[in-house]
Amino acid sequence: MTGGTTIAGQIERLIVRLDGAGVCEGCVTDRLGLSIPAQADVVTRALGGTRGFERTRDICTLCGNGRTVTRHRAK
């Protein structure tokens, strides 16, 4: 994924813009107005463990709920 204009690119850019803060898939779906919530799940799972992206169980920065979140840590 390269951060283009695809849904995957939009999700990637949103997570990078949060500058290390973790965001859950529900909030990604809401913020981007995605019609299919599973899109966020597929993309965030693919990003986890690549190019500074990680998925962990934590508190979502946007909704405050304990969930699996994805964050990007600049290297």
N, C-alpha and C. Protein backbone atom coordinates (compact mmCIF):
# COMPACT_ATOMS: atom_id res chain seq x y z
N MET A 1 0.83 -1.17 0.00
CA MET A 1 0.00 0.00 0.00
C MET A 1 0.88 1.23 0.00
N THR A 2 0.45 2.21 -0.74
CA THR A 2 1.32 3.37 -0.92
C THR A 2 0.67 4.69 -0.54
N GLY A 3 -0.53 4.68 0.00
CA GLY A 3 -1.13 5.94 0.42
C GLY A 3 -1.78 6.70 -0.71
N GLY A 4 -2.20 6.02 -1.76
CA GLY A 4 -2.84 6.68 -2.91
C GLY A 4 -4.27 7.07 -2.60
N THR A 5 -5.09 7.18 -3.66
CA THR A 5 -6.46 7.63 -3.50
C THR A 5 -7.43 6.48 -3.28
N THR A 6 -6.94 5.27 -3.20
CA THR A 6 -7.79 4.12 -2.91
C THR A 6 -8.27 4.19 -1.46
N ILE A 7 -9.24 3.35 -1.13
CA ILE A 7 -9.70 3.28 0.26
C ILE A 7 -8.53 2.90 1.17
N ALA A 8 -7.71 1.95 0.71
CA ALA A 8 -6.54 1.56 1.50
C ALA A 8 -5.63 2.76 1.72
N GLY A 9 -5.43 3.56 0.71
CA GLY A 9 -4.59 4.75 0.82
C GLY A 9 -5.17 5.77 1.78
N GLN A 10 -6.48 5.94 1.76
CA GLN A 10 -7.13 6.88 2.67
C GLN A 10 -6.98 6.42 4.12
N ILE A 11 -7.13 5.12 4.34
CA ILE A 11 -6.97 4.58 5.69
C ILE A 11 -5.54 4.76 6.16
N GLU A 12 -4.60 4.46 5.30
CA GLU A 12 -3.19 4.61 5.65
C GLU A 12 -2.87 6.06 6.00
N ARG A 13 -3.33 7.00 5.20
CA ARG A 13 -3.06 8.42 5.48
C ARG A 13 -3.69 8.87 6.79
N LEU A 14 -4.91 8.41 7.08
CA LEU A 14 -5.55 8.77 8.34
C LEU A 14 -4.72 8.31 9.52
N ILE A 15 -4.27 7.07 9.49
CA ILE A 15 -3.48 6.53 10.60
C ILE A 15 -2.15 7.27 10.74
N VAL A 16 -1.51 7.58 9.64
CA VAL A 16 -0.23 8.33 9.69
C VAL A 16 -0.47 9.73 10.26
N ARG A 17 -1.56 10.39 9.85
CA ARG A 17 -1.86 11.75 10.35
C ARG A 17 -2.06 11.77 11.86
N LEU A 18 -2.49 10.65 12.44
CA LEU A 18 -2.69 10.61 13.89
C LEU A 18 -1.38 10.56 14.66
N ASP A 19 -0.27 10.48 13.96
CA ASP A 19 1.07 10.65 14.53
C ASP A 19 1.34 9.78 15.75
N GLY A 20 1.10 8.47 15.60
CA GLY A 20 1.41 7.54 16.67
C GLY A 20 0.25 7.19 17.58
N ALA A 21 -0.85 7.92 17.45
CA ALA A 21 -2.03 7.62 18.26
C ALA A 21 -2.76 6.43 17.65
N GLY A 22 -3.24 5.52 18.48
CA GLY A 22 -3.94 4.34 17.99
C GLY A 22 -5.40 4.63 17.68
N VAL A 23 -5.90 4.03 16.61
CA VAL A 23 -7.29 4.22 16.19
C VAL A 23 -7.91 2.86 15.88
N CYS A 24 -9.15 2.66 16.34
CA CYS A 24 -9.83 1.39 16.09
C CYS A 24 -10.48 1.40 14.70
N GLU A 25 -10.84 0.20 14.25
CA GLU A 25 -11.44 0.07 12.93
C GLU A 25 -12.78 0.78 12.83
N GLY A 26 -13.55 0.80 13.92
CA GLY A 26 -14.84 1.50 13.92
C GLY A 26 -14.66 2.98 13.66
N CYS A 27 -13.68 3.57 14.30
CA CYS A 27 -13.44 5.00 14.11
C CYS A 27 -12.88 5.30 12.72
N VAL A 28 -12.04 4.40 12.20
CA VAL A 28 -11.56 4.56 10.82
C VAL A 28 -12.76 4.56 9.87
N THR A 29 -13.66 3.59 10.08
CA THR A 29 -14.85 3.49 9.24
C THR A 29 -15.69 4.77 9.32
N ASP A 30 -15.92 5.26 10.54
CA ASP A 30 -16.72 6.47 10.73
C ASP A 30 -16.05 7.70 10.13
N ARG A 31 -14.77 7.91 10.43
CA ARG A 31 -14.06 9.09 9.95
C ARG A 31 -14.00 9.19 8.44
N LEU A 32 -13.88 8.04 7.79
CA LEU A 32 -13.76 8.04 6.33
C LEU A 32 -15.09 7.79 5.63
N GLY A 33 -16.15 7.57 6.39
CA GLY A 33 -17.46 7.35 5.81
C GLY A 33 -17.51 6.10 4.94
N LEU A 34 -16.83 5.05 5.37
CA LEU A 34 -16.80 3.82 4.59
C LEU A 34 -18.16 3.12 4.69
N SER A 35 -18.63 2.59 3.57
CA SER A 35 -19.93 1.92 3.57
C SER A 35 -19.82 0.47 4.02
N ILE A 36 -18.63 -0.11 3.95
CA ILE A 36 -18.42 -1.49 4.35
C ILE A 36 -17.37 -1.52 5.45
N PRO A 37 -17.79 -1.71 6.71
CA PRO A 37 -16.83 -1.69 7.83
C PRO A 37 -15.69 -2.69 7.68
N ALA A 38 -15.91 -3.79 7.00
CA ALA A 38 -14.85 -4.80 6.85
C ALA A 38 -13.66 -4.27 6.06
N GLN A 39 -13.86 -3.20 5.30
CA GLN A 39 -12.75 -2.61 4.55
C GLN A 39 -11.65 -2.15 5.50
N ALA A 40 -12.03 -1.51 6.58
CA ALA A 40 -11.04 -1.04 7.55
C ALA A 40 -10.31 -2.22 8.18
N ASP A 41 -11.02 -3.29 8.46
CA ASP A 41 -10.41 -4.48 9.06
C ASP A 41 -9.36 -5.07 8.13
N VAL A 42 -9.71 -5.25 6.89
CA VAL A 42 -8.78 -5.86 5.92
C VAL A 42 -7.53 -5.01 5.77
N VAL A 43 -7.70 -3.71 5.64
CA VAL A 43 -6.55 -2.83 5.42
C VAL A 43 -5.68 -2.72 6.66
N THR A 44 -6.28 -2.54 7.83
CA THR A 44 -5.46 -2.39 9.04
C THR A 44 -4.72 -3.68 9.38
N ARG A 45 -5.33 -4.82 9.11
CA ARG A 45 -4.62 -6.10 9.32
C ARG A 45 -3.42 -6.20 8.39
N ALA A 46 -3.59 -5.76 7.15
CA ALA A 46 -2.48 -5.81 6.18
C ALA A 46 -1.36 -4.85 6.56
N LEU A 47 -1.72 -3.70 7.13
CA LEU A 47 -0.71 -2.71 7.51
C LEU A 47 0.09 -3.15 8.74
N GLY A 48 -0.55 -3.85 9.66
CA GLY A 48 0.10 -4.24 10.91
C GLY A 48 1.42 -4.96 10.68
N GLY A 49 2.46 -4.45 11.30
CA GLY A 49 3.78 -5.06 11.19
C GLY A 49 4.57 -4.65 9.96
N THR A 50 4.06 -3.68 9.20
CA THR A 50 4.79 -3.22 8.01
C THR A 50 5.08 -1.72 8.12
N ARG A 51 6.24 -1.32 7.67
CA ARG A 51 6.62 0.09 7.50
C ARG A 51 6.21 1.00 8.67
N GLY A 52 6.38 0.52 9.90
CA GLY A 52 6.11 1.34 11.07
C GLY A 52 4.68 1.26 11.59
N PHE A 53 3.82 0.46 10.97
CA PHE A 53 2.45 0.28 11.44
C PHE A 53 2.41 -0.88 12.42
N GLU A 54 1.60 -0.73 13.47
CA GLU A 54 1.44 -1.82 14.42
C GLU A 54 0.00 -1.89 14.89
N ARG A 55 -0.43 -3.10 15.22
CA ARG A 55 -1.78 -3.34 15.76
C ARG A 55 -1.61 -3.91 17.16
N THR A 56 -2.28 -3.29 18.12
CA THR A 56 -2.21 -3.75 19.51
C THR A 56 -3.57 -3.55 20.18
N ARG A 57 -3.74 -4.20 21.29
CA ARG A 57 -4.94 -3.97 22.11
C ARG A 57 -4.62 -2.76 22.98
N ASP A 58 -5.43 -1.71 22.84
CA ASP A 58 -5.16 -0.45 23.55
C ASP A 58 -6.44 0.38 23.55
N ILE A 59 -6.35 1.58 24.03
CA ILE A 59 -7.47 2.52 24.03
C ILE A 59 -7.43 3.30 22.72
N CYS A 60 -8.57 3.35 22.02
CA CYS A 60 -8.65 4.14 20.78
C CYS A 60 -8.61 5.62 21.15
N THR A 61 -7.77 6.36 20.47
CA THR A 61 -7.62 7.79 20.72
C THR A 61 -8.90 8.55 20.42
N LEU A 62 -9.66 8.10 19.45
CA LEU A 62 -10.84 8.86 19.01
C LEU A 62 -12.09 8.56 19.82
N CYS A 63 -12.36 7.29 20.16
CA CYS A 63 -13.60 6.96 20.87
C CYS A 63 -13.38 6.63 22.35
N GLY A 64 -12.13 6.36 22.74
CA GLY A 64 -11.82 6.07 24.13
C GLY A 64 -12.13 4.66 24.58
N ASN A 65 -12.52 3.78 23.66
CA ASN A 65 -12.83 2.40 24.01
C ASN A 65 -11.60 1.51 23.88
N GLY A 66 -11.54 0.48 24.71
CA GLY A 66 -10.47 -0.50 24.63
C GLY A 66 -10.75 -1.46 23.48
N ARG A 67 -9.91 -1.43 22.47
CA ARG A 67 -10.10 -2.24 21.28
C ARG A 67 -8.75 -2.53 20.65
N THR A 68 -8.77 -3.29 19.57
CA THR A 68 -7.57 -3.43 18.79
C THR A 68 -7.42 -2.14 17.99
N VAL A 69 -6.28 -1.51 18.11
CA VAL A 69 -6.02 -0.25 17.41
C VAL A 69 -4.81 -0.41 16.50
N THR A 70 -4.77 0.45 15.52
CA THR A 70 -3.63 0.50 14.59
C THR A 70 -3.00 1.87 14.75
N ARG A 71 -1.67 1.89 14.79
CA ARG A 71 -0.94 3.17 14.88
C ARG A 71 0.26 3.10 13.96
N HIS A 72 0.80 4.29 13.67
CA HIS A 72 2.01 4.36 12.86
C HIS A 72 3.05 5.07 13.68
N ARG A 73 4.20 4.46 13.74
CA ARG A 73 5.34 5.07 14.46
C ARG A 73 6.41 5.37 13.42
N ALA A 74 6.66 6.65 13.25
CA ALA A 74 7.69 7.07 12.29
C ALA A 74 9.03 6.54 12.75
N LYS A 75 9.82 6.10 11.81
CA LYS A 75 11.14 5.54 12.14
C LYS A 75 12.22 6.57 12.05
